[in-house]
Amino acid sequence: MYTYKIHLHKEPESGYTVSVPALQGCITYGDNLDEAIAMAKEAIELYIEELKERGETIPDDSNTLEYSLTLEAV
């Protein structure tokens, strides 16, 4: 089992671009949140499959903590 954080970025025109920080270059898109998340899952699965075929190490975020900070403008 692998754990991945995904970043969903709302696009100005519509939809969401999704990136997976632990998997360099793993980026996808969905017209809405549900589709974006489904597309991210598929992209991650394909990425992992490719890494396995190459015999490469499969990174994940299971030991990564994430925290958001909000700062006032100076």
N, C-alpha and C. Protein backbone atom coordinates (compact mmCIF):
# COMPACT_ATOMS: atom_id res chain seq x y z
N MET A 1 0.85 -1.18 0.00
CA MET A 1 0.00 0.00 0.00
C MET A 1 0.89 1.24 0.00
N TYR A 2 0.54 2.19 -0.81
CA TYR A 2 1.28 3.44 -0.92
C TYR A 2 0.37 4.60 -0.55
N THR A 3 0.96 5.64 0.01
CA THR A 3 0.21 6.84 0.39
C THR A 3 0.77 8.03 -0.38
N TYR A 4 -0.13 8.81 -0.98
CA TYR A 4 0.29 9.99 -1.75
C TYR A 4 -0.56 11.19 -1.42
N LYS A 5 0.10 12.32 -1.27
CA LYS A 5 -0.60 13.60 -1.15
C LYS A 5 -0.77 14.12 -2.57
N ILE A 6 -1.93 14.70 -2.82
CA ILE A 6 -2.14 15.32 -4.12
C ILE A 6 -2.49 16.79 -3.90
N HIS A 7 -2.07 17.62 -4.83
CA HIS A 7 -2.41 19.04 -4.80
C HIS A 7 -3.39 19.31 -5.92
N LEU A 8 -4.52 19.89 -5.57
CA LEU A 8 -5.55 20.24 -6.55
C LEU A 8 -5.54 21.75 -6.72
N HIS A 9 -5.33 22.19 -7.93
CA HIS A 9 -5.26 23.62 -8.24
C HIS A 9 -6.44 23.98 -9.12
N LYS A 10 -7.34 24.83 -8.62
CA LYS A 10 -8.51 25.26 -9.41
C LYS A 10 -8.02 26.13 -10.55
N GLU A 11 -8.44 25.80 -11.75
CA GLU A 11 -8.05 26.57 -12.93
C GLU A 11 -9.02 27.73 -13.14
N PRO A 12 -8.55 28.86 -13.63
CA PRO A 12 -9.42 30.03 -13.81
C PRO A 12 -10.60 29.77 -14.74
N GLU A 13 -10.37 29.01 -15.81
CA GLU A 13 -11.44 28.77 -16.78
C GLU A 13 -12.42 27.70 -16.30
N SER A 14 -11.93 26.68 -15.65
CA SER A 14 -12.74 25.62 -15.03
C SER A 14 -11.88 24.40 -14.81
N GLY A 15 -12.32 23.53 -13.95
CA GLY A 15 -11.61 22.29 -13.70
C GLY A 15 -10.46 22.44 -12.73
N TYR A 16 -9.76 21.32 -12.54
CA TYR A 16 -8.67 21.25 -11.57
C TYR A 16 -7.47 20.53 -12.17
N THR A 17 -6.31 21.11 -11.98
CA THR A 17 -5.06 20.44 -12.30
C THR A 17 -4.58 19.78 -11.02
N VAL A 18 -4.13 18.54 -11.14
CA VAL A 18 -3.68 17.77 -9.97
C VAL A 18 -2.22 17.40 -10.15
N SER A 19 -1.43 17.63 -9.10
CA SER A 19 -0.03 17.19 -9.12
C SER A 19 0.22 16.30 -7.91
N VAL A 20 1.19 15.41 -8.08
CA VAL A 20 1.57 14.47 -7.03
C VAL A 20 3.03 14.76 -6.70
N PRO A 21 3.29 15.54 -5.64
CA PRO A 21 4.66 15.97 -5.35
C PRO A 21 5.68 14.83 -5.21
N ALA A 22 5.30 13.70 -4.67
CA ALA A 22 6.24 12.59 -4.47
C ALA A 22 6.63 11.92 -5.78
N LEU A 23 5.82 12.12 -6.82
CA LEU A 23 6.08 11.49 -8.12
C LEU A 23 6.33 12.59 -9.15
N GLN A 24 7.58 12.93 -9.33
CA GLN A 24 7.96 14.04 -10.20
C GLN A 24 7.34 13.90 -11.58
N GLY A 25 6.63 14.94 -12.01
CA GLY A 25 6.03 14.96 -13.34
C GLY A 25 4.68 14.27 -13.41
N CYS A 26 4.17 13.77 -12.31
CA CYS A 26 2.86 13.12 -12.31
C CYS A 26 1.80 14.20 -12.13
N ILE A 27 1.20 14.60 -13.25
CA ILE A 27 0.23 15.69 -13.29
C ILE A 27 -0.94 15.25 -14.16
N THR A 28 -2.15 15.61 -13.73
CA THR A 28 -3.33 15.28 -14.52
C THR A 28 -4.37 16.39 -14.33
N TYR A 29 -5.55 16.19 -14.88
CA TYR A 29 -6.59 17.22 -14.89
C TYR A 29 -7.95 16.56 -14.80
N GLY A 30 -8.91 17.26 -14.17
CA GLY A 30 -10.29 16.80 -14.14
C GLY A 30 -11.23 17.99 -14.23
N ASP A 31 -12.39 17.78 -14.83
CA ASP A 31 -13.37 18.86 -14.99
C ASP A 31 -13.99 19.29 -13.67
N ASN A 32 -14.01 18.39 -12.67
CA ASN A 32 -14.54 18.71 -11.34
C ASN A 32 -13.69 17.95 -10.31
N LEU A 33 -13.96 18.18 -9.02
CA LEU A 33 -13.14 17.55 -7.99
C LEU A 33 -13.15 16.02 -8.05
N ASP A 34 -14.34 15.45 -8.21
CA ASP A 34 -14.43 13.98 -8.25
C ASP A 34 -13.63 13.42 -9.42
N GLU A 35 -13.77 14.03 -10.58
CA GLU A 35 -13.03 13.56 -11.75
C GLU A 35 -11.53 13.77 -11.57
N ALA A 36 -11.14 14.90 -11.00
CA ALA A 36 -9.72 15.19 -10.79
C ALA A 36 -9.09 14.15 -9.86
N ILE A 37 -9.79 13.78 -8.80
CA ILE A 37 -9.29 12.78 -7.86
C ILE A 37 -9.20 11.41 -8.53
N ALA A 38 -10.21 11.05 -9.31
CA ALA A 38 -10.19 9.78 -10.04
C ALA A 38 -9.04 9.75 -11.04
N MET A 39 -8.82 10.84 -11.73
CA MET A 39 -7.73 10.92 -12.70
C MET A 39 -6.38 10.84 -11.99
N ALA A 40 -6.28 11.43 -10.81
CA ALA A 40 -5.03 11.37 -10.04
C ALA A 40 -4.73 9.92 -9.64
N LYS A 41 -5.75 9.21 -9.20
CA LYS A 41 -5.56 7.80 -8.82
C LYS A 41 -5.06 6.99 -10.02
N GLU A 42 -5.66 7.21 -11.17
CA GLU A 42 -5.25 6.48 -12.38
C GLU A 42 -3.81 6.85 -12.76
N ALA A 43 -3.48 8.14 -12.70
CA ALA A 43 -2.13 8.60 -13.05
C ALA A 43 -1.09 7.99 -12.11
N ILE A 44 -1.41 7.94 -10.82
CA ILE A 44 -0.50 7.36 -9.83
C ILE A 44 -0.29 5.88 -10.11
N GLU A 45 -1.37 5.16 -10.38
CA GLU A 45 -1.26 3.72 -10.68
C GLU A 45 -0.38 3.47 -11.89
N LEU A 46 -0.56 4.26 -12.95
CA LEU A 46 0.26 4.11 -14.16
C LEU A 46 1.72 4.46 -13.88
N TYR A 47 1.94 5.48 -13.10
CA TYR A 47 3.30 5.91 -12.75
C TYR A 47 4.01 4.78 -11.98
N ILE A 48 3.32 4.22 -10.98
CA ILE A 48 3.90 3.13 -10.18
C ILE A 48 4.19 1.92 -11.07
N GLU A 49 3.28 1.61 -11.96
CA GLU A 49 3.47 0.48 -12.88
C GLU A 49 4.74 0.67 -13.70
N GLU A 50 4.95 1.87 -14.19
CA GLU A 50 6.14 2.18 -14.98
C GLU A 50 7.41 2.04 -14.13
N LEU A 51 7.37 2.54 -12.89
CA LEU A 51 8.53 2.41 -12.01
C LEU A 51 8.86 0.94 -11.75
N LYS A 52 7.83 0.12 -11.52
CA LYS A 52 8.04 -1.31 -11.28
C LYS A 52 8.67 -1.97 -12.50
N GLU A 53 8.19 -1.64 -13.69
CA GLU A 53 8.74 -2.22 -14.92
C GLU A 53 10.21 -1.88 -15.09
N ARG A 54 10.61 -0.70 -14.63
CA ARG A 54 12.01 -0.27 -14.73
C ARG A 54 12.86 -0.77 -13.56
N GLY A 55 12.21 -1.36 -12.56
CA GLY A 55 12.93 -1.83 -11.39
C GLY A 55 13.39 -0.71 -10.47
N GLU A 56 12.70 0.44 -10.53
CA GLU A 56 13.06 1.59 -9.73
C GLU A 56 12.32 1.59 -8.39
N THR A 57 12.88 2.31 -7.44
CA THR A 57 12.26 2.47 -6.13
C THR A 57 10.97 3.27 -6.26
N ILE A 58 9.96 2.86 -5.52
CA ILE A 58 8.66 3.54 -5.56
C ILE A 58 8.55 4.44 -4.33
N PRO A 59 8.63 5.76 -4.54
CA PRO A 59 8.50 6.68 -3.41
C PRO A 59 7.04 6.82 -2.99
N ASP A 60 6.82 7.21 -1.74
CA ASP A 60 5.47 7.55 -1.31
C ASP A 60 5.55 8.56 -0.17
N ASP A 61 4.39 9.01 0.29
CA ASP A 61 4.32 10.04 1.32
C ASP A 61 3.96 9.50 2.70
N SER A 62 4.13 8.21 2.93
CA SER A 62 3.68 7.64 4.20
C SER A 62 4.42 8.22 5.41
N ASN A 63 5.62 8.74 5.22
CA ASN A 63 6.37 9.33 6.33
C ASN A 63 6.49 10.84 6.22
N THR A 64 5.62 11.45 5.43
CA THR A 64 5.65 12.89 5.22
C THR A 64 4.49 13.55 5.95
N LEU A 65 4.81 14.58 6.70
CA LEU A 65 3.78 15.36 7.37
C LEU A 65 3.57 16.64 6.56
N GLU A 66 2.37 17.16 6.59
CA GLU A 66 2.08 18.38 5.86
C GLU A 66 1.30 19.32 6.77
N TYR A 67 1.66 20.59 6.70
CA TYR A 67 1.02 21.59 7.52
C TYR A 67 0.92 22.87 6.71
N SER A 68 -0.18 23.56 6.80
CA SER A 68 -0.36 24.83 6.09
C SER A 68 -0.22 25.99 7.06
N LEU A 69 0.54 26.97 6.67
CA LEU A 69 0.71 28.19 7.45
C LEU A 69 0.06 29.35 6.74
N THR A 70 -0.61 30.20 7.47
CA THR A 70 -1.19 31.43 6.91
C THR A 70 -0.46 32.60 7.53
N LEU A 71 0.13 33.44 6.70
CA LEU A 71 0.88 34.59 7.18
C LEU A 71 0.22 35.87 6.69
N GLU A 72 0.25 36.87 7.53
CA GLU A 72 -0.26 38.17 7.13
C GLU A 72 0.81 38.86 6.28
N ALA A 73 0.36 39.64 5.31
CA ALA A 73 1.30 40.38 4.47
C ALA A 73 2.06 41.37 5.33
N VAL A 74 3.31 41.52 5.05
CA VAL A 74 4.18 42.41 5.83
C VAL A 74 4.18 43.79 5.24
